[in-house]
Amino acid sequence: MRFFPVLIAALLCASPALADKRVLRIDSLTAVQKDGAILVQAKGAVSSGGWTKPHLHLVRGDGRTVMLEFLAAPPPPGMTVIDGLVPVSATLSVRGRAVSVHVEAEDNEITSQVLK
């Protein structure tokens, strides 16, 4: 009997409706090389209130360019939210070196040189 609630919780966590999605847009991007890592800061917007946990997700890095996605958790279905652009921001430290950082959002993408 204890297995059933655990199974339901696992299925809810795995539900695509609750999966992180790209934020609507990215407005600014900075990348700085420091102590063997690249500190990336992104600012952007989501299309409504209720979005949580904005973060940058590493897609790949080839030693020259680091590719990231700007993601957040959307509001659950049926939640009453503010309809309008809401600002979000995220930071990420990526170990290694690169010349540029490329970040993708839903509507746009930005590439920035890594400052030293």
C-alpha atoms as a PDB file:
ATOM      1  CA  MET A   1       0.000   0.000   0.000  1.00  0.00           C
ATOM      2  CA  ARG A   2       2.893   2.372   0.637  1.00  0.00           C
ATOM      3  CA  PHE A   3       4.132   1.875  -2.913  1.00  0.00           C
ATOM      4  CA  PHE A   4       1.072   3.509  -4.529  1.00  0.00           C
ATOM      5  CA  PRO A   5       1.584   7.071  -3.106  1.00  0.00           C
ATOM      6  CA  VAL A   6       5.270   6.904  -4.038  1.00  0.00           C
ATOM      7  CA  LEU A   7       4.349   5.862  -7.590  1.00  0.00           C
ATOM      8  CA  ILE A   8       1.860   8.744  -7.925  1.00  0.00           C
ATOM      9  CA  ALA A   9       4.451  11.241  -6.642  1.00  0.00           C
ATOM     10  CA  ALA A  10       7.036   9.922  -9.127  1.00  0.00           C
ATOM     11  CA  LEU A  11       4.595  10.201 -12.027  1.00  0.00           C
ATOM     12  CA  LEU A  12       3.698  13.779 -11.062  1.00  0.00           C
ATOM     13  CA  CYS A  13       7.373  14.748 -10.942  1.00  0.00           C
ATOM     14  CA  ALA A  14       7.964  13.171 -14.352  1.00  0.00           C
ATOM     15  CA  SER A  15       4.955  14.868 -15.936  1.00  0.00           C
ATOM     16  CA  PRO A  16       5.929  16.989 -18.978  1.00  0.00           C
ATOM     17  CA  ALA A  17       3.460  19.674 -17.863  1.00  0.00           C
ATOM     18  CA  LEU A  18       5.639  20.286 -14.818  1.00  0.00           C
ATOM     19  CA  ALA A  19       8.980  20.108 -16.647  1.00  0.00           C
ATOM     20  CA  ASP A  20      11.169  23.190 -16.929  1.00  0.00           C
ATOM     21  CA  LYS A  21      10.641  25.238 -20.063  1.00  0.00           C
ATOM     22  CA  ARG A  22      12.652  27.972 -21.746  1.00  0.00           C
ATOM     23  CA  VAL A  23      11.928  31.479 -20.499  1.00  0.00           C
ATOM     24  CA  LEU A  24      10.231  33.763 -23.022  1.00  0.00           C
ATOM     25  CA  ARG A  25      13.230  35.953 -23.773  1.00  0.00           C
ATOM     26  CA  ILE A  26      16.739  36.830 -22.708  1.00  0.00           C
ATOM     27  CA  ASP A  27      17.531  40.535 -22.400  1.00  0.00           C
ATOM     28  CA  SER A  28      21.140  40.617 -21.203  1.00  0.00           C
ATOM     29  CA  LEU A  29      24.082  38.273 -20.801  1.00  0.00           C
ATOM     30  CA  THR A  30      27.473  38.670 -19.143  1.00  0.00           C
ATOM     31  CA  ALA A  31      30.251  36.094 -18.959  1.00  0.00           C
ATOM     32  CA  VAL A  32      33.492  36.544 -17.006  1.00  0.00           C
ATOM     33  CA  GLN A  33      36.450  34.146 -16.758  1.00  0.00           C
ATOM     34  CA  LYS A  34      37.699  33.879 -13.167  1.00  0.00           C
ATOM     35  CA  ASP A  35      39.753  31.264 -11.323  1.00  0.00           C
ATOM     36  CA  GLY A  36      39.328  28.515 -13.942  1.00  0.00           C
ATOM     37  CA  ALA A  37      35.573  28.997 -14.303  1.00  0.00           C
ATOM     38  CA  ILE A  38      33.196  31.145 -16.333  1.00  0.00           C
ATOM     39  CA  LEU A  39      30.614  33.068 -14.324  1.00  0.00           C
ATOM     40  CA  VAL A  40      27.506  33.585 -16.490  1.00  0.00           C
ATOM     41  CA  GLN A  41      24.671  35.973 -15.590  1.00  0.00           C
ATOM     42  CA  ALA A  42      21.480  36.175 -17.650  1.00  0.00           C
ATOM     43  CA  LYS A  43      18.451  38.432 -17.288  1.00  0.00           C
ATOM     44  CA  GLY A  44      15.209  38.027 -19.171  1.00  0.00           C
ATOM     45  CA  ALA A  45      11.452  37.706 -18.851  1.00  0.00           C
ATOM     46  CA  VAL A  46       8.687  35.126 -18.658  1.00  0.00           C
ATOM     47  CA  SER A  47       5.181  35.633 -20.036  1.00  0.00           C
ATOM     48  CA  SER A  48       3.298  35.538 -16.719  1.00  0.00           C
ATOM     49  CA  GLY A  49       3.624  35.290 -12.972  1.00  0.00           C
ATOM     50  CA  GLY A  50       3.986  31.962 -11.219  1.00  0.00           C
ATOM     51  CA  TRP A  51       7.245  30.879 -12.871  1.00  0.00           C
ATOM     52  CA  THR A  52       9.821  29.588 -10.385  1.00  0.00           C
ATOM     53  CA  LYS A  53      13.421  28.412 -10.233  1.00  0.00           C
ATOM     54  CA  PRO A  54      14.947  30.289 -13.179  1.00  0.00           C
ATOM     55  CA  HIS A  55      18.296  28.718 -14.040  1.00  0.00           C
ATOM     56  CA  LEU A  56      20.838  28.219 -16.778  1.00  0.00           C
ATOM     57  CA  HIS A  57      21.249  24.674 -18.101  1.00  0.00           C
ATOM     58  CA  LEU A  58      24.498  23.578 -19.759  1.00  0.00           C
ATOM     59  CA  VAL A  59      23.770  22.065 -23.182  1.00  0.00           C
ATOM     60  CA  ARG A  60      27.361  21.629 -24.341  1.00  0.00           C
ATOM     61  CA  GLY A  61      30.785  23.188 -24.324  1.00  0.00           C
ATOM     62  CA  ASP A  62      33.420  22.539 -26.975  1.00  0.00           C
ATOM     63  CA  GLY A  63      36.317  24.507 -25.502  1.00  0.00           C
ATOM     64  CA  ARG A  64      35.492  27.501 -27.679  1.00  0.00           C
ATOM     65  CA  THR A  65      31.788  28.164 -27.017  1.00  0.00           C
ATOM     66  CA  VAL A  66      29.585  27.242 -24.062  1.00  0.00           C
ATOM     67  CA  MET A  67      25.938  26.638 -25.051  1.00  0.00           C
ATOM     68  CA  LEU A  68      23.243  27.178 -22.392  1.00  0.00           C
ATOM     69  CA  GLU A  69      19.456  27.224 -22.148  1.00  0.00           C
ATOM     70  CA  PHE A  70      17.634  29.738 -19.936  1.00  0.00           C
ATOM     71  CA  LEU A  71      14.954  27.661 -18.169  1.00  0.00           C
ATOM     72  CA  ALA A  72      12.343  28.034 -15.425  1.00  0.00           C
ATOM     73  CA  ALA A  73       9.496  25.990 -13.977  1.00  0.00           C
ATOM     74  CA  PRO A  74       6.133  27.212 -15.347  1.00  0.00           C
ATOM     75  CA  PRO A  75       3.131  27.729 -13.098  1.00  0.00           C
ATOM     76  CA  PRO A  76       0.974  24.654 -12.540  1.00  0.00           C
ATOM     77  CA  PRO A  77      -2.179  24.318 -14.671  1.00  0.00           C
ATOM     78  CA  GLY A  78      -5.143  26.153 -13.206  1.00  0.00           C
ATOM     79  CA  MET A  79      -3.048  28.515 -11.086  1.00  0.00           C
ATOM     80  CA  THR A  80      -4.189  32.141 -11.190  1.00  0.00           C
ATOM     81  CA  VAL A  81      -1.241  34.279 -12.318  1.00  0.00           C
ATOM     82  CA  ILE A  82      -0.462  37.812 -13.444  1.00  0.00           C
ATOM     83  CA  ASP A  83      -0.685  38.037 -17.228  1.00  0.00           C
ATOM     84  CA  GLY A  84       2.277  40.096 -18.404  1.00  0.00           C
ATOM     85  CA  LEU A  85       6.046  40.104 -18.663  1.00  0.00           C
ATOM     86  CA  VAL A  86       7.785  39.283 -15.396  1.00  0.00           C
ATOM     87  CA  PRO A  87      11.572  39.694 -15.047  1.00  0.00           C
ATOM     88  CA  VAL A  88      13.779  36.703 -14.143  1.00  0.00           C
ATOM     89  CA  SER A  89      17.513  36.253 -13.716  1.00  0.00           C
ATOM     90  CA  ALA A  90      19.942  33.392 -13.222  1.00  0.00           C
ATOM     91  CA  THR A  91      23.642  32.768 -12.721  1.00  0.00           C
ATOM     92  CA  LEU A  92      25.814  29.751 -13.393  1.00  0.00           C
ATOM     93  CA  SER A  93      29.478  28.955 -12.880  1.00  0.00           C
ATOM     94  CA  VAL A  94      30.901  26.685 -15.593  1.00  0.00           C
ATOM     95  CA  ARG A  95      34.305  25.143 -14.977  1.00  0.00           C
ATOM     96  CA  GLY A  96      36.769  25.468 -17.828  1.00  0.00           C
ATOM     97  CA  ARG A  97      37.625  28.047 -20.437  1.00  0.00           C
ATOM     98  CA  ALA A  98      35.851  29.358 -23.518  1.00  0.00           C
ATOM     99  CA  VAL A  99      35.891  32.344 -25.856  1.00  0.00           C
ATOM    100  CA  SER A 100      32.119  32.896 -25.950  1.00  0.00           C
ATOM    101  CA  VAL A 101      28.856  31.935 -24.257  1.00  0.00           C
ATOM    102  CA  HIS A 102      25.621  31.374 -26.192  1.00  0.00           C
ATOM    103  CA  VAL A 103      22.269  31.332 -24.328  1.00  0.00           C
ATOM    104  CA  GLU A 104      18.922  30.364 -25.876  1.00  0.00           C
ATOM    105  CA  ALA A 105      15.458  31.409 -24.693  1.00  0.00           C
ATOM    106  CA  GLU A 106      12.075  30.711 -26.322  1.00  0.00           C
ATOM    107  CA  ASP A 107      11.923  33.811 -28.560  1.00  0.00           C
ATOM    108  CA  ASN A 108      15.579  34.791 -28.900  1.00  0.00           C
ATOM    109  CA  GLU A 109      19.202  33.974 -28.173  1.00  0.00           C
ATOM    110  CA  ILE A 110      22.312  35.955 -27.250  1.00  0.00           C
ATOM    111  CA  THR A 111      26.019  35.288 -27.677  1.00  0.00           C
ATOM    112  CA  SER A 112      28.587  37.133 -25.577  1.00  0.00           C
ATOM    113  CA  GLN A 113      32.364  37.133 -25.432  1.00  0.00           C
ATOM    114  CA  VAL A 114      33.888  35.861 -22.212  1.00  0.00           C
ATOM    115  CA  LEU A 115      35.593  38.778 -20.453  1.00  0.00           C
ATOM    116  CA  LYS A 116      38.860  38.164 -18.637  1.00  0.00           C
END
